[in-house]
Amino acid sequence: MKYPTREIKSKLQIEFKYHYLRHTFGTMMAEMNTPEHLLCNQMGHGNIRVTQRYYIAMSPNGIDILRNNLNSL
């Protein structure tokens, strides 16, 4: 997998790692309100807190929920 990554980097002049695709998938699924336990399973996380930390809390929807909660205090 390293060779295609180097080719993408050299030909397109962009920093590319396959892990970025995984993160994009997780973020998009979180933004589509995928239930946390299903997203955790799809991402292969052993602990749902990892999913919550990196995908649920950082999605625009998660940020809006946080903002609304803070404003209602």
PDB file of N, CA and C in Angstrom:
ATOM      1  N   MET A   1       0.810  -1.203   0.000  1.00  0.00           N
ATOM      2  CA  MET A   1       0.000   0.000   0.000  1.00  0.00           C
ATOM      3  C   MET A   1       0.852   1.266   0.000  1.00  0.00           C
ATOM      4  N   LYS A   2       2.124   1.132   0.356  1.00  0.00           N
ATOM      5  CA  LYS A   2       2.964   2.328   0.404  1.00  0.00           C
ATOM      6  C   LYS A   2       3.245   2.886  -0.985  1.00  0.00           C
ATOM      7  N   TYR A   3       3.414   2.007  -1.984  1.00  0.00           N
ATOM      8  CA  TYR A   3       3.732   2.491  -3.320  1.00  0.00           C
ATOM      9  C   TYR A   3       2.634   3.384  -3.893  1.00  0.00           C
ATOM     10  N   PRO A   4       1.348   2.977  -3.864  1.00  0.00           N
ATOM     11  CA  PRO A   4       0.300   3.874  -4.389  1.00  0.00           C
ATOM     12  C   PRO A   4       0.240   5.203  -3.636  1.00  0.00           C
ATOM     13  N   THR A   5       0.473   5.164  -2.338  1.00  0.00           N
ATOM     14  CA  THR A   5       0.467   6.396  -1.554  1.00  0.00           C
ATOM     15  C   THR A   5       1.561   7.341  -2.027  1.00  0.00           C
ATOM     16  N   ARG A   6       2.735   6.809  -2.284  1.00  0.00           N
ATOM     17  CA  ARG A   6       3.843   7.637  -2.792  1.00  0.00           C
ATOM     18  C   ARG A   6       3.525   8.207  -4.177  1.00  0.00           C
ATOM     19  N   GLU A   7       2.896   7.387  -5.020  1.00  0.00           N
ATOM     20  CA  GLU A   7       2.524   7.850  -6.358  1.00  0.00           C
ATOM     21  C   GLU A   7       1.531   9.009  -6.282  1.00  0.00           C
ATOM     22  N   ILE A   8       0.527   8.874  -5.425  1.00  0.00           N
ATOM     23  CA  ILE A   8      -0.462   9.940  -5.265  1.00  0.00           C
ATOM     24  C   ILE A   8       0.217  11.208  -4.781  1.00  0.00           C
ATOM     25  N   LYS A   9       1.100  11.047  -3.804  1.00  0.00           N
ATOM     26  CA  LYS A   9       1.794  12.207  -3.246  1.00  0.00           C
ATOM     27  C   LYS A   9       2.680  12.884  -4.290  1.00  0.00           C
ATOM     28  N   SER A  10       3.410  12.107  -5.071  1.00  0.00           N
ATOM     29  CA  SER A  10       4.336  12.713  -6.025  1.00  0.00           C
ATOM     30  C   SER A  10       3.623  13.285  -7.250  1.00  0.00           C
ATOM     31  N   LYS A  11       2.624  12.588  -7.762  1.00  0.00           N
ATOM     32  CA  LYS A  11       1.954  13.055  -8.972  1.00  0.00           C
ATOM     33  C   LYS A  11       0.953  14.178  -8.717  1.00  0.00           C
ATOM     34  N   LEU A  12       0.241  14.107  -7.592  1.00  0.00           N
ATOM     35  CA  LEU A  12      -0.797  15.095  -7.321  1.00  0.00           C
ATOM     36  C   LEU A  12      -0.360  16.172  -6.330  1.00  0.00           C
ATOM     37  N   GLN A  13       0.815  15.971  -5.737  1.00  0.00           N
ATOM     38  CA  GLN A  13       1.348  16.941  -4.772  1.00  0.00           C
ATOM     39  C   GLN A  13       0.397  17.176  -3.591  1.00  0.00           C
ATOM     40  N   ILE A  14      -0.214  16.084  -3.113  1.00  0.00           N
ATOM     41  CA  ILE A  14      -1.058  16.189  -1.927  1.00  0.00           C
ATOM     42  C   ILE A  14      -0.610  15.156  -0.905  1.00  0.00           C
ATOM     43  N   GLU A  15      -0.791  15.489   0.346  1.00  0.00           N
ATOM     44  CA  GLU A  15      -0.490  14.553   1.424  1.00  0.00           C
ATOM     45  C   GLU A  15      -1.648  13.576   1.508  1.00  0.00           C
ATOM     46  N   PHE A  16      -1.387  12.317   1.278  1.00  0.00           N
ATOM     47  CA  PHE A  16      -2.448  11.321   1.252  1.00  0.00           C
ATOM     48  C   PHE A  16      -2.057  10.117   2.085  1.00  0.00           C
ATOM     49  N   LYS A  17      -2.989   9.684   2.917  1.00  0.00           N
ATOM     50  CA  LYS A  17      -2.832   8.444   3.675  1.00  0.00           C
ATOM     51  C   LYS A  17      -4.170   7.733   3.622  1.00  0.00           C
ATOM     52  N   TYR A  18      -4.140   6.419   3.500  1.00  0.00           N
ATOM     53  CA  TYR A  18      -5.380   5.663   3.430  1.00  0.00           C
ATOM     54  C   TYR A  18      -6.219   5.825   4.687  1.00  0.00           C
ATOM     55  N   HIS A  19      -5.571   6.112   5.808  1.00  0.00           N
ATOM     56  CA  HIS A  19      -6.308   6.328   7.061  1.00  0.00           C
ATOM     57  C   HIS A  19      -7.247   7.529   6.931  1.00  0.00           C
ATOM     58  N   TYR A  20      -6.903   8.494   6.087  1.00  0.00           N
ATOM     59  CA  TYR A  20      -7.781   9.649   5.874  1.00  0.00           C
ATOM     60  C   TYR A  20      -9.145   9.203   5.327  1.00  0.00           C
ATOM     61  N   LEU A  21      -9.148   8.180   4.474  1.00  0.00           N
ATOM     62  CA  LEU A  21     -10.403   7.669   3.924  1.00  0.00           C
ATOM     63  C   LEU A  21     -11.254   7.054   5.026  1.00  0.00           C
ATOM     64  N   ARG A  22     -10.600   6.361   5.949  1.00  0.00           N
ATOM     65  CA  ARG A  22     -11.310   5.765   7.084  1.00  0.00           C
ATOM     66  C   ARG A  22     -11.944   6.852   7.942  1.00  0.00           C
ATOM     67  N   HIS A  23     -11.185   7.908   8.203  1.00  0.00           N
ATOM     68  CA  HIS A  23     -11.700   9.005   9.023  1.00  0.00           C
ATOM     69  C   HIS A  23     -12.860   9.714   8.308  1.00  0.00           C
ATOM     70  N   THR A  24     -12.739   9.895   7.019  1.00  0.00           N
ATOM     71  CA  THR A  24     -13.815  10.522   6.241  1.00  0.00           C
ATOM     72  C   THR A  24     -15.078   9.677   6.316  1.00  0.00           C
ATOM     73  N   PHE A  25     -14.941   8.363   6.175  1.00  0.00           N
ATOM     74  CA  PHE A  25     -16.086   7.467   6.272  1.00  0.00           C
ATOM     75  C   PHE A  25     -16.759   7.609   7.636  1.00  0.00           C
ATOM     76  N   GLY A  26     -15.981   7.545   8.713  1.00  0.00           N
ATOM     77  CA  GLY A  26     -16.537   7.656  10.060  1.00  0.00           C
ATOM     78  C   GLY A  26     -17.229   8.982  10.291  1.00  0.00           C
ATOM     79  N   THR A  27     -16.629  10.051   9.824  1.00  0.00           N
ATOM     80  CA  THR A  27     -17.210  11.382   9.994  1.00  0.00           C
ATOM     81  C   THR A  27     -18.522  11.510   9.220  1.00  0.00           C
ATOM     82  N   MET A  28     -18.528  11.037   7.982  1.00  0.00           N
ATOM     83  CA  MET A  28     -19.746  11.135   7.175  1.00  0.00           C
ATOM     84  C   MET A  28     -20.877  10.287   7.761  1.00  0.00           C
ATOM     85  N   MET A  29     -20.545   9.114   8.260  1.00  0.00           N
ATOM     86  CA  MET A  29     -21.566   8.270   8.874  1.00  0.00           C
ATOM     87  C   MET A  29     -22.114   8.922  10.144  1.00  0.00           C
ATOM     88  N   ALA A  30     -21.266   9.566  10.923  1.00  0.00           N
ATOM     89  CA  ALA A  30     -21.714  10.266  12.127  1.00  0.00           C
ATOM     90  C   ALA A  30     -22.625  11.427  11.757  1.00  0.00           C
ATOM     91  N   GLU A  31     -22.284  12.158  10.704  1.00  0.00           N
ATOM     92  CA  GLU A  31     -23.098  13.284  10.262  1.00  0.00           C
ATOM     93  C   GLU A  31     -24.463  12.833   9.746  1.00  0.00           C
ATOM     94  N   MET A  32     -24.554  11.587   9.317  1.00  0.00           N
ATOM     95  CA  MET A  32     -25.821  11.038   8.842  1.00  0.00           C
ATOM     96  C   MET A  32     -26.623  10.421   9.996  1.00  0.00           C
ATOM     97  N   ASN A  33     -26.185  10.724  11.219  1.00  0.00           N
ATOM     98  CA  ASN A  33     -26.859  10.258  12.441  1.00  0.00           C
ATOM     99  C   ASN A  33     -26.912   8.738  12.559  1.00  0.00           C
ATOM    100  N   THR A  34     -25.854   8.075  12.137  1.00  0.00           N
ATOM    101  CA  THR A  34     -25.757   6.638  12.324  1.00  0.00           C
ATOM    102  C   THR A  34     -25.700   6.362  13.824  1.00  0.00           C
ATOM    103  N   PRO A  35     -26.492   5.423  14.322  1.00  0.00           N
ATOM    104  CA  PRO A  35     -26.438   5.118  15.756  1.00  0.00           C
ATOM    105  C   PRO A  35     -25.003   4.788  16.203  1.00  0.00           C
ATOM    106  N   GLU A  36     -24.644   5.290  17.364  1.00  0.00           N
ATOM    107  CA  GLU A  36     -23.270   5.163  17.850  1.00  0.00           C
ATOM    108  C   GLU A  36     -22.789   3.717  17.892  1.00  0.00           C
ATOM    109  N   HIS A  37     -23.638   2.809  18.349  1.00  0.00           N
ATOM    110  CA  HIS A  37     -23.194   1.419  18.478  1.00  0.00           C
ATOM    111  C   HIS A  37     -22.919   0.793  17.104  1.00  0.00           C
ATOM    112  N   LEU A  38     -23.665   1.209  16.082  1.00  0.00           N
ATOM    113  CA  LEU A  38     -23.418   0.694  14.731  1.00  0.00           C
ATOM    114  C   LEU A  38     -22.139   1.289  14.143  1.00  0.00           C
ATOM    115  N   LEU A  39     -21.941   2.573  14.364  1.00  0.00           N
ATOM    116  CA  LEU A  39     -20.728   3.217  13.869  1.00  0.00           C
ATOM    117  C   LEU A  39     -19.500   2.622  14.553  1.00  0.00           C
ATOM    118  N   CYS A  40     -19.603   2.396  15.850  1.00  0.00           N
ATOM    119  CA  CYS A  40     -18.506   1.779  16.596  1.00  0.00           C
ATOM    120  C   CYS A  40     -18.149   0.429  15.998  1.00  0.00           C
ATOM    121  N   ASN A  41     -19.164  -0.363  15.688  1.00  0.00           N
ATOM    122  CA  ASN A  41     -18.953  -1.677  15.092  1.00  0.00           C
ATOM    123  C   ASN A  41     -18.309  -1.567  13.719  1.00  0.00           C
ATOM    124  N   GLN A  42     -18.802  -0.668  12.880  1.00  0.00           N
ATOM    125  CA  GLN A  42     -18.268  -0.497  11.526  1.00  0.00           C
ATOM    126  C   GLN A  42     -16.826  -0.006  11.536  1.00  0.00           C
ATOM    127  N   MET A  43     -16.496   0.825  12.518  1.00  0.00           N
ATOM    128  CA  MET A  43     -15.140   1.359  12.596  1.00  0.00           C
ATOM    129  C   MET A  43     -14.178   0.359  13.240  1.00  0.00           C
ATOM    130  N   GLY A  44     -14.734  -0.674  13.871  1.00  0.00           N
ATOM    131  CA  GLY A  44     -13.891  -1.685  14.498  1.00  0.00           C
ATOM    132  C   GLY A  44     -13.314  -1.242  15.831  1.00  0.00           C
ATOM    133  N   HIS A  45     -13.950  -0.264  16.459  1.00  0.00           N
ATOM    134  CA  HIS A  45     -13.474   0.209  17.749  1.00  0.00           C
ATOM    135  C   HIS A  45     -13.892  -0.774  18.843  1.00  0.00           C
ATOM    136  N   GLY A  46     -12.996  -1.066  19.763  1.00  0.00           N
ATOM    137  CA  GLY A  46     -13.295  -1.960  20.864  1.00  0.00           C
ATOM    138  C   GLY A  46     -14.052  -1.273  21.982  1.00  0.00           C
ATOM    139  N   ASN A  47     -14.038   0.046  21.960  1.00  0.00           N
ATOM    140  CA  ASN A  47     -14.688   0.820  23.011  1.00  0.00           C
ATOM    141  C   ASN A  47     -15.469   1.953  22.354  1.00  0.00           C
ATOM    142  N   ILE A  48     -16.738   2.091  22.712  1.00  0.00           N
ATOM    143  CA  ILE A  48     -17.587   3.105  22.084  1.00  0.00           C
ATOM    144  C   ILE A  48     -17.092   4.523  22.377  1.00  0.00           C
ATOM    145  N   ARG A  49     -16.325   4.695  23.442  1.00  0.00           N
ATOM    146  CA  ARG A  49     -15.795   6.029  23.769  1.00  0.00           C
ATOM    147  C   ARG A  49     -14.855   6.556  22.679  1.00  0.00           C
ATOM    148  N   VAL A  50     -14.161   5.654  22.017  1.00  0.00           N
ATOM    149  CA  VAL A  50     -13.285   6.073  20.909  1.00  0.00           C
ATOM    150  C   VAL A  50     -14.141   6.659  19.792  1.00  0.00           C
ATOM    151  N   THR A  51     -15.216   5.978  19.459  1.00  0.00           N
ATOM    152  CA  THR A  51     -16.133   6.460  18.416  1.00  0.00           C
ATOM    153  C   THR A  51     -16.723   7.801  18.817  1.00  0.00           C
ATOM    154  N   GLN A  52     -17.151   7.918  20.052  1.00  0.00           N
ATOM    155  CA  GLN A  52     -17.743   9.163  20.527  1.00  0.00           C
ATOM    156  C   GLN A  52     -16.739  10.303  20.489  1.00  0.00           C
ATOM    157  N   ARG A  53     -15.510  10.015  20.859  1.00  0.00           N
ATOM    158  CA  ARG A  53     -14.482  11.070  20.923  1.00  0.00           C
ATOM    159  C   ARG A  53     -14.105  11.594  19.539  1.00  0.00           C
ATOM    160  N   TYR A  54     -13.890  10.697  18.606  1.00  0.00           N
ATOM    161  CA  TYR A  54     -13.345  11.112  17.308  1.00  0.00           C
ATOM    162  C   TYR A  54     -14.384  11.366  16.229  1.00  0.00           C
ATOM    163  N   TYR A  55     -15.574  10.829  16.372  1.00  0.00           N
ATOM    164  CA  TYR A  55     -16.539  10.964  15.291  1.00  0.00           C
ATOM    165  C   TYR A  55     -17.821  11.663  15.714  1.00  0.00           C
ATOM    166  N   ILE A  56     -18.433  11.239  16.789  1.00  0.00           N
ATOM    167  CA  ILE A  56     -19.700  11.828  17.199  1.00  0.00           C
ATOM    168  C   ILE A  56     -19.510  13.264  17.666  1.00  0.00           C
ATOM    169  N   ALA A  57     -18.570  13.487  18.575  1.00  0.00           N
ATOM    170  CA  ALA A  57     -18.377  14.815  19.165  1.00  0.00           C
ATOM    171  C   ALA A  57     -17.867  15.834  18.150  1.00  0.00           C
ATOM    172  N   MET A  58     -17.158  15.389  17.134  1.00  0.00           N
ATOM    173  CA  MET A  58     -16.541  16.324  16.194  1.00  0.00           C
ATOM    174  C   MET A  58     -17.397  16.597  14.959  1.00  0.00           C
ATOM    175  N   SER A  59     -18.508  15.924  14.821  1.00  0.00           N
ATOM    176  CA  SER A  59     -19.345  16.173  13.654  1.00  0.00           C
ATOM    177  C   SER A  59     -20.078  17.497  13.825  1.00  0.00           C
ATOM    178  N   PRO A  60     -20.438  18.163  12.733  1.00  0.00           N
ATOM    179  CA  PRO A  60     -21.195  19.414  12.853  1.00  0.00           C
ATOM    180  C   PRO A  60     -22.476  19.232  13.663  1.00  0.00           C
ATOM    181  N   ASN A  61     -23.134  18.094  13.493  1.00  0.00           N
ATOM    182  CA  ASN A  61     -24.339  17.823  14.269  1.00  0.00           C
ATOM    183  C   ASN A  61     -24.001  17.735  15.759  1.00  0.00           C
ATOM    184  N   GLY A  62     -22.901  17.068  16.091  1.00  0.00           N
ATOM    185  CA  GLY A  62     -22.471  16.966  17.483  1.00  0.00           C
ATOM    186  C   GLY A  62     -22.126  18.326  18.063  1.00  0.00           C
ATOM    187  N   ILE A  63     -21.506  19.182  17.275  1.00  0.00           N
ATOM    188  CA  ILE A  63     -21.153  20.530  17.726  1.00  0.00           C
ATOM    189  C   ILE A  63     -22.419  21.359  17.946  1.00  0.00           C
ATOM    190  N   ASP A  64     -23.404  21.207  17.060  1.00  0.00           N
ATOM    191  CA  ASP A  64     -24.677  21.921  17.234  1.00  0.00           C
ATOM    192  C   ASP A  64     -25.381  21.481  18.518  1.00  0.00           C
ATOM    193  N   ILE A  65     -25.372  20.196  18.797  1.00  0.00           N
ATOM    194  CA  ILE A  65     -25.991  19.696  20.031  1.00  0.00           C
ATOM    195  C   ILE A  65     -25.281  20.280  21.245  1.00  0.00           C
ATOM    196  N   LEU A  66     -23.964  20.295  21.214  1.00  0.00           N
ATOM    197  CA  LEU A  66     -23.194  20.877  22.316  1.00  0.00           C
ATOM    198  C   LEU A  66     -23.523  22.354  22.481  1.00  0.00           C
ATOM    199  N   ARG A  67     -23.566  23.086  21.393  1.00  0.00           N
ATOM    200  CA  ARG A  67     -23.879  24.516  21.441  1.00  0.00           C
ATOM    201  C   ARG A  67     -25.268  24.754  22.049  1.00  0.00           C
ATOM    202  N   ASN A  68     -26.243  23.974  21.604  1.00  0.00           N
ATOM    203  CA  ASN A  68     -27.604  24.112  22.133  1.00  0.00           C
ATOM    204  C   ASN A  68     -27.651  23.792  23.623  1.00  0.00           C
ATOM    205  N   ASN A  69     -26.924  22.763  24.036  1.00  0.00           N
ATOM    206  CA  ASN A  69     -26.887  22.414  25.459  1.00  0.00           C
ATOM    207  C   ASN A  69     -26.271  23.538  26.279  1.00  0.00           C
ATOM    208  N   LEU A  70     -25.206  24.123  25.781  1.00  0.00           N
ATOM    209  CA  LEU A  70     -24.549  25.216  26.510  1.00  0.00           C
ATOM    210  C   LEU A  70     -25.440  26.447  26.571  1.00  0.00           C
ATOM    211  N   ASN A  71     -26.146  26.726  25.502  1.00  0.00           N
ATOM    212  CA  ASN A  71     -27.037  27.894  25.482  1.00  0.00           C
ATOM    213  C   ASN A  71     -28.244  27.739  26.386  1.00  0.00           C
ATOM    214  N   SER A  72     -28.629  26.488  26.665  1.00  0.00           N
ATOM    215  CA  SER A  72     -29.787  26.271  27.520  1.00  0.00           C
ATOM    216  C   SER A  72     -29.446  26.291  29.009  1.00  0.00           C
ATOM    217  N   LEU A  73     -28.175  26.434  29.344  1.00  0.00           N
ATOM    218  CA  LEU A  73     -27.777  26.499  30.765  1.00  0.00           C
ATOM    219  C   LEU A  73     -28.225  27.789  31.399  1.00  0.00           C
TER     220      LEU A  73
END
